[in-house]
Amino acid sequence: MDTNDSLRVASLWHSMHAISQQLSPTTGCSEIELLEADTFDLHIFQSLTGTKLFVVCEPGTQHMEALLKVVYELYTDYVLNNPFYETKIPIRCELFDINLTQAIQKDRVALLGR
C-alpha cells in the first residue's frame, strides 16, 4: 500500500474501532481487535495512551498481537523520543524503520522455525 492507501485504511479502521463498542449487542464488549476477511486479516493494538497500530497480514497469521506490542515499544523508543517528529503525520524515522524491519524479520524467522 502507498501512503495514501494506508491513511485511508487507518481512517476507516479508526472510525469502525471507535464506534464498535456502542454498536455491540453485548454489554461490556470492547472495541474491534481483529477483522478477518477472505484474503487478509487486519489486527489492531490500542495502547493505554490511545495510540492505535494496525497490521494487515495473511489470513490466520499467528502472534500479531505480540508483534504489535513490539512495534509499539519501538514507536515509543524511536519515534516519540525523536525531537523532529510531529504527531498526526506519517512516521519518517530511519531508526524506527531499521528496528521495525529487524523485529518483523525476527518474528518471521520465529514463525517459520528458521
N, C-alpha and C. Protein backbone atom coordinates (compact mmCIF):
# COMPACT_ATOMS: atom_id res chain seq x y z
N MET A 1 0.83 -1.18 0.00
CA MET A 1 0.00 0.00 0.00
C MET A 1 0.88 1.24 0.00
N ASP A 2 0.46 2.25 -0.73
CA ASP A 2 1.18 3.51 -0.66
C ASP A 2 0.67 4.30 0.54
N THR A 3 1.26 5.46 0.79
CA THR A 3 0.93 6.26 1.97
C THR A 3 -0.54 6.66 1.99
N ASN A 4 -1.08 7.08 0.85
CA ASN A 4 -2.49 7.48 0.80
C ASN A 4 -3.42 6.32 1.12
N ASP A 5 -3.14 5.14 0.58
CA ASP A 5 -3.97 3.97 0.88
C ASP A 5 -3.89 3.63 2.36
N SER A 6 -2.70 3.71 2.92
CA SER A 6 -2.53 3.43 4.35
C SER A 6 -3.33 4.41 5.20
N LEU A 7 -3.30 5.68 4.83
CA LEU A 7 -4.06 6.68 5.57
C LEU A 7 -5.56 6.46 5.45
N ARG A 8 -6.03 6.05 4.28
CA ARG A 8 -7.46 5.76 4.10
C ARG A 8 -7.89 4.57 4.95
N VAL A 9 -7.10 3.51 4.93
CA VAL A 9 -7.43 2.32 5.73
C VAL A 9 -7.41 2.67 7.21
N ALA A 10 -6.40 3.42 7.63
CA ALA A 10 -6.30 3.81 9.04
C ALA A 10 -7.49 4.67 9.46
N SER A 11 -7.89 5.58 8.62
CA SER A 11 -9.03 6.44 8.93
C SER A 11 -10.32 5.64 9.05
N LEU A 12 -10.55 4.76 8.10
CA LEU A 12 -11.74 3.92 8.14
C LEU A 12 -11.72 3.00 9.36
N TRP A 13 -10.59 2.39 9.61
CA TRP A 13 -10.48 1.46 10.73
C TRP A 13 -10.64 2.18 12.06
N HIS A 14 -10.10 3.38 12.16
CA HIS A 14 -10.24 4.17 13.39
C HIS A 14 -11.71 4.43 13.67
N SER A 15 -12.47 4.79 12.65
CA SER A 15 -13.90 5.05 12.83
C SER A 15 -14.64 3.79 13.25
N MET A 16 -14.37 2.68 12.58
CA MET A 16 -15.02 1.42 12.93
C MET A 16 -14.66 1.00 14.35
N HIS A 17 -13.42 1.15 14.70
CA HIS A 17 -12.92 0.77 16.02
C HIS A 17 -13.58 1.63 17.10
N ALA A 18 -13.74 2.91 16.82
CA ALA A 18 -14.28 3.83 17.81
C ALA A 18 -15.76 3.59 18.10
N ILE A 19 -16.53 3.20 17.09
CA ILE A 19 -17.97 3.03 17.30
C ILE A 19 -18.39 1.59 17.60
N SER A 20 -17.47 0.66 17.50
CA SER A 20 -17.83 -0.76 17.67
C SER A 20 -18.40 -1.07 19.04
N GLN A 21 -17.90 -0.43 20.07
CA GLN A 21 -18.38 -0.71 21.42
C GLN A 21 -19.84 -0.27 21.57
N GLN A 22 -20.18 0.84 20.94
CA GLN A 22 -21.56 1.34 21.03
C GLN A 22 -22.53 0.47 20.23
N LEU A 23 -22.05 -0.16 19.17
CA LEU A 23 -22.91 -0.97 18.31
C LEU A 23 -23.08 -2.40 18.79
N SER A 24 -22.22 -2.83 19.69
CA SER A 24 -22.23 -4.22 20.12
C SER A 24 -23.52 -4.54 20.88
N PRO A 25 -24.14 -5.68 20.56
CA PRO A 25 -25.33 -6.09 21.30
C PRO A 25 -24.99 -6.65 22.68
N THR A 26 -23.71 -6.90 22.93
CA THR A 26 -23.25 -7.45 24.19
C THR A 26 -22.72 -6.34 25.08
N THR A 27 -23.21 -6.24 26.29
CA THR A 27 -22.70 -5.22 27.21
C THR A 27 -21.30 -5.58 27.65
N GLY A 28 -20.47 -4.57 27.85
CA GLY A 28 -19.10 -4.78 28.29
C GLY A 28 -18.15 -5.18 27.17
N CYS A 29 -18.63 -5.18 25.94
CA CYS A 29 -17.79 -5.54 24.81
C CYS A 29 -16.79 -4.42 24.52
N SER A 30 -15.56 -4.78 24.26
CA SER A 30 -14.55 -3.78 23.93
C SER A 30 -14.54 -3.55 22.43
N GLU A 31 -13.61 -2.74 21.98
CA GLU A 31 -13.52 -2.39 20.56
C GLU A 31 -13.09 -3.59 19.71
N ILE A 32 -13.21 -3.43 18.40
CA ILE A 32 -12.78 -4.47 17.46
C ILE A 32 -11.26 -4.60 17.55
N GLU A 33 -10.77 -5.82 17.64
CA GLU A 33 -9.33 -6.06 17.66
C GLU A 33 -8.85 -6.81 16.43
N LEU A 34 -9.78 -7.46 15.73
CA LEU A 34 -9.42 -8.26 14.56
C LEU A 34 -10.56 -8.25 13.56
N LEU A 35 -10.21 -8.00 12.32
CA LEU A 35 -11.15 -8.10 11.21
C LEU A 35 -10.62 -9.19 10.29
N GLU A 36 -11.41 -10.26 10.14
CA GLU A 36 -11.00 -11.38 9.29
C GLU A 36 -11.76 -11.31 7.98
N ALA A 37 -11.03 -11.30 6.88
CA ALA A 37 -11.62 -11.31 5.55
C ALA A 37 -11.11 -12.55 4.81
N ASP A 38 -11.61 -12.77 3.61
CA ASP A 38 -11.18 -13.93 2.83
C ASP A 38 -9.71 -13.85 2.45
N THR A 39 -9.23 -12.65 2.15
CA THR A 39 -7.87 -12.51 1.61
C THR A 39 -6.89 -11.87 2.57
N PHE A 40 -7.34 -11.37 3.73
CA PHE A 40 -6.43 -10.74 4.68
C PHE A 40 -7.06 -10.70 6.07
N ASP A 41 -6.21 -10.51 7.07
CA ASP A 41 -6.64 -10.22 8.44
C ASP A 41 -6.12 -8.85 8.79
N LEU A 42 -6.89 -8.08 9.54
CA LEU A 42 -6.49 -6.76 9.99
C LEU A 42 -6.53 -6.77 11.50
N HIS A 43 -5.36 -6.69 12.14
CA HIS A 43 -5.24 -6.69 13.60
C HIS A 43 -4.98 -5.27 14.07
N ILE A 44 -5.50 -4.94 15.25
CA ILE A 44 -5.27 -3.61 15.82
C ILE A 44 -4.80 -3.74 17.26
N PHE A 45 -3.94 -2.82 17.65
CA PHE A 45 -3.48 -2.71 19.03
C PHE A 45 -3.70 -1.28 19.46
N GLN A 46 -4.39 -1.09 20.59
CA GLN A 46 -4.57 0.25 21.13
C GLN A 46 -3.84 0.32 22.45
N SER A 47 -2.93 1.30 22.56
CA SER A 47 -2.17 1.46 23.79
C SER A 47 -3.01 2.17 24.84
N LEU A 48 -2.51 2.23 26.05
CA LEU A 48 -3.22 2.93 27.12
C LEU A 48 -3.34 4.42 26.84
N THR A 49 -2.44 4.95 26.01
CA THR A 49 -2.49 6.37 25.66
C THR A 49 -3.44 6.65 24.51
N GLY A 50 -4.02 5.60 23.92
CA GLY A 50 -4.96 5.78 22.82
C GLY A 50 -4.34 5.63 21.44
N THR A 51 -3.02 5.46 21.36
CA THR A 51 -2.37 5.25 20.08
C THR A 51 -2.81 3.92 19.51
N LYS A 52 -3.20 3.92 18.24
CA LYS A 52 -3.65 2.70 17.59
C LYS A 52 -2.66 2.32 16.50
N LEU A 53 -2.27 1.05 16.50
CA LEU A 53 -1.41 0.48 15.46
C LEU A 53 -2.18 -0.67 14.83
N PHE A 54 -2.05 -0.81 13.52
CA PHE A 54 -2.69 -1.95 12.89
C PHE A 54 -1.75 -2.58 11.89
N VAL A 55 -2.03 -3.86 11.62
CA VAL A 55 -1.24 -4.61 10.65
C VAL A 55 -2.20 -5.42 9.78
N VAL A 56 -1.91 -5.41 8.49
CA VAL A 56 -2.63 -6.22 7.53
C VAL A 56 -1.75 -7.42 7.23
N CYS A 57 -2.30 -8.63 7.36
CA CYS A 57 -1.49 -9.83 7.15
C CYS A 57 -2.33 -10.91 6.47
N GLU A 58 -1.69 -12.00 6.14
CA GLU A 58 -2.38 -13.13 5.53
C GLU A 58 -3.35 -13.74 6.53
N PRO A 59 -4.46 -14.29 6.04
CA PRO A 59 -5.44 -14.89 6.95
C PRO A 59 -4.80 -15.98 7.82
N GLY A 60 -5.14 -15.95 9.11
CA GLY A 60 -4.67 -16.97 10.03
C GLY A 60 -3.27 -16.76 10.56
N THR A 61 -2.61 -15.67 10.24
CA THR A 61 -1.27 -15.41 10.74
C THR A 61 -1.31 -15.28 12.26
N GLN A 62 -0.43 -16.01 12.93
CA GLN A 62 -0.41 -16.06 14.38
C GLN A 62 0.50 -14.98 14.99
N HIS A 63 0.28 -14.68 16.25
CA HIS A 63 1.15 -13.83 17.08
C HIS A 63 1.21 -12.37 16.64
N MET A 64 0.20 -11.90 15.96
CA MET A 64 0.21 -10.49 15.53
C MET A 64 0.05 -9.54 16.70
N GLU A 65 -0.66 -9.96 17.75
CA GLU A 65 -0.83 -9.11 18.92
C GLU A 65 0.53 -8.84 19.57
N ALA A 66 1.34 -9.89 19.70
CA ALA A 66 2.67 -9.73 20.29
C ALA A 66 3.55 -8.86 19.41
N LEU A 67 3.47 -9.05 18.10
CA LEU A 67 4.27 -8.22 17.18
C LEU A 67 3.84 -6.76 17.28
N LEU A 68 2.55 -6.50 17.38
CA LEU A 68 2.08 -5.12 17.50
C LEU A 68 2.56 -4.47 18.80
N LYS A 69 2.67 -5.25 19.86
CA LYS A 69 3.21 -4.70 21.12
C LYS A 69 4.68 -4.34 20.95
N VAL A 70 5.43 -5.17 20.23
CA VAL A 70 6.83 -4.86 19.95
C VAL A 70 6.93 -3.59 19.10
N VAL A 71 6.07 -3.47 18.11
CA VAL A 71 6.06 -2.28 17.25
C VAL A 71 5.75 -1.05 18.09
N TYR A 72 4.83 -1.15 19.03
CA TYR A 72 4.52 -0.01 19.90
C TYR A 72 5.73 0.37 20.74
N GLU A 73 6.44 -0.62 21.26
CA GLU A 73 7.65 -0.33 22.04
C GLU A 73 8.68 0.40 21.17
N LEU A 74 8.85 -0.05 19.93
CA LEU A 74 9.76 0.63 19.01
C LEU A 74 9.28 2.05 18.73
N TYR A 75 7.99 2.22 18.58
CA TYR A 75 7.40 3.54 18.35
C TYR A 75 7.72 4.49 19.50
N THR A 76 7.55 4.00 20.73
CA THR A 76 7.84 4.86 21.88
C THR A 76 9.33 5.14 22.00
N ASP A 77 10.16 4.15 21.69
CA ASP A 77 11.61 4.33 21.81
C ASP A 77 12.19 5.26 20.75
N TYR A 78 11.75 5.11 19.51
CA TYR A 78 12.41 5.82 18.42
C TYR A 78 11.62 6.99 17.84
N VAL A 79 10.32 6.89 17.83
CA VAL A 79 9.52 7.96 17.22
C VAL A 79 9.20 9.04 18.24
N LEU A 80 8.63 8.64 19.37
CA LEU A 80 8.24 9.65 20.35
C LEU A 80 9.44 10.36 20.97
N ASN A 81 10.58 9.70 21.00
CA ASN A 81 11.78 10.35 21.53
C ASN A 81 12.53 11.17 20.49
N ASN A 82 12.04 11.17 19.26
CA ASN A 82 12.65 11.94 18.18
C ASN A 82 12.15 13.39 18.27
N PRO A 83 13.05 14.35 18.50
CA PRO A 83 12.60 15.75 18.66
C PRO A 83 12.02 16.34 17.38
N PHE A 84 12.26 15.73 16.23
CA PHE A 84 11.76 16.25 14.96
C PHE A 84 10.42 15.64 14.55
N TYR A 85 9.94 14.66 15.31
CA TYR A 85 8.68 14.01 14.97
C TYR A 85 7.51 14.91 15.34
N GLU A 86 6.54 14.99 14.42
CA GLU A 86 5.31 15.72 14.66
C GLU A 86 4.16 14.72 14.66
N THR A 87 3.31 14.80 15.66
CA THR A 87 2.19 13.86 15.74
C THR A 87 1.22 14.09 14.59
N LYS A 88 0.47 13.06 14.30
CA LYS A 88 -0.57 13.07 13.27
C LYS A 88 -0.05 13.23 11.85
N ILE A 89 1.22 12.90 11.63
CA ILE A 89 1.77 12.84 10.28
C ILE A 89 2.40 11.46 10.12
N PRO A 90 2.57 10.98 8.90
CA PRO A 90 3.23 9.68 8.72
C PRO A 90 4.62 9.66 9.35
N ILE A 91 4.99 8.53 9.90
CA ILE A 91 6.27 8.40 10.59
C ILE A 91 7.40 8.36 9.57
N ARG A 92 8.37 9.23 9.75
CA ARG A 92 9.56 9.27 8.91
C ARG A 92 10.77 9.30 9.85
N CYS A 93 11.16 8.10 10.31
CA CYS A 93 12.25 7.98 11.27
C CYS A 93 13.09 6.76 10.89
N GLU A 94 14.31 6.99 10.48
CA GLU A 94 15.16 5.92 9.96
C GLU A 94 15.42 4.84 11.01
N LEU A 95 15.72 5.24 12.26
CA LEU A 95 15.98 4.24 13.30
C LEU A 95 14.75 3.37 13.57
N PHE A 96 13.59 3.98 13.54
CA PHE A 96 12.36 3.21 13.70
C PHE A 96 12.21 2.21 12.57
N ASP A 97 12.43 2.66 11.33
CA ASP A 97 12.31 1.78 10.16
C ASP A 97 13.27 0.60 10.24
N ILE A 98 14.51 0.87 10.61
CA ILE A 98 15.52 -0.19 10.70
C ILE A 98 15.13 -1.22 11.76
N ASN A 99 14.75 -0.74 12.95
CA ASN A 99 14.41 -1.65 14.04
C ASN A 99 13.08 -2.37 13.78
N LEU A 100 12.17 -1.72 13.09
CA LEU A 100 10.91 -2.37 12.72
C LEU A 100 11.17 -3.51 11.75
N THR A 101 12.01 -3.27 10.77
CA THR A 101 12.37 -4.32 9.80
C THR A 101 13.01 -5.50 10.52
N GLN A 102 13.91 -5.23 11.46
CA GLN A 102 14.55 -6.31 12.21
C GLN A 102 13.55 -7.09 13.04
N ALA A 103 12.61 -6.39 13.68
CA ALA A 103 11.60 -7.07 14.50
C ALA A 103 10.71 -7.96 13.65
N ILE A 104 10.32 -7.48 12.49
CA ILE A 104 9.47 -8.27 11.60
C ILE A 104 10.22 -9.49 11.09
N GLN A 105 11.48 -9.31 10.72
CA GLN A 105 12.28 -10.45 10.26
C GLN A 105 12.48 -11.46 11.37
N LYS A 106 12.72 -10.99 12.58
CA LYS A 106 12.90 -11.88 13.73
C LYS A 106 11.62 -12.66 13.99
N ASP A 107 10.46 -11.97 13.92
CA ASP A 107 9.18 -12.63 14.13
C ASP A 107 8.92 -13.65 13.03
N ARG A 108 9.25 -13.29 11.80
CA ARG A 108 9.06 -14.21 10.67
C ARG A 108 9.92 -15.46 10.83
N VAL A 109 11.16 -15.29 11.24
CA VAL A 109 12.06 -16.43 11.46
C VAL A 109 11.51 -17.32 12.57
N ALA A 110 11.01 -16.70 13.64
CA ALA A 110 10.45 -17.50 14.76
C ALA A 110 9.21 -18.27 14.29
N LEU A 111 8.38 -17.65 13.47
CA LEU A 111 7.19 -18.33 12.98
C LEU A 111 7.50 -19.47 12.03
N LEU A 112 8.51 -19.26 11.19
CA LEU A 112 8.87 -20.28 10.21
C LEU A 112 9.81 -21.33 10.77
N GLY A 113 10.36 -21.07 11.96
CA GLY A 113 11.26 -22.03 12.59
C GLY A 113 12.61 -22.10 11.92
N ARG A 114 13.04 -20.97 11.33
CA ARG A 114 14.34 -20.95 10.66
C ARG A 114 15.25 -19.96 11.33
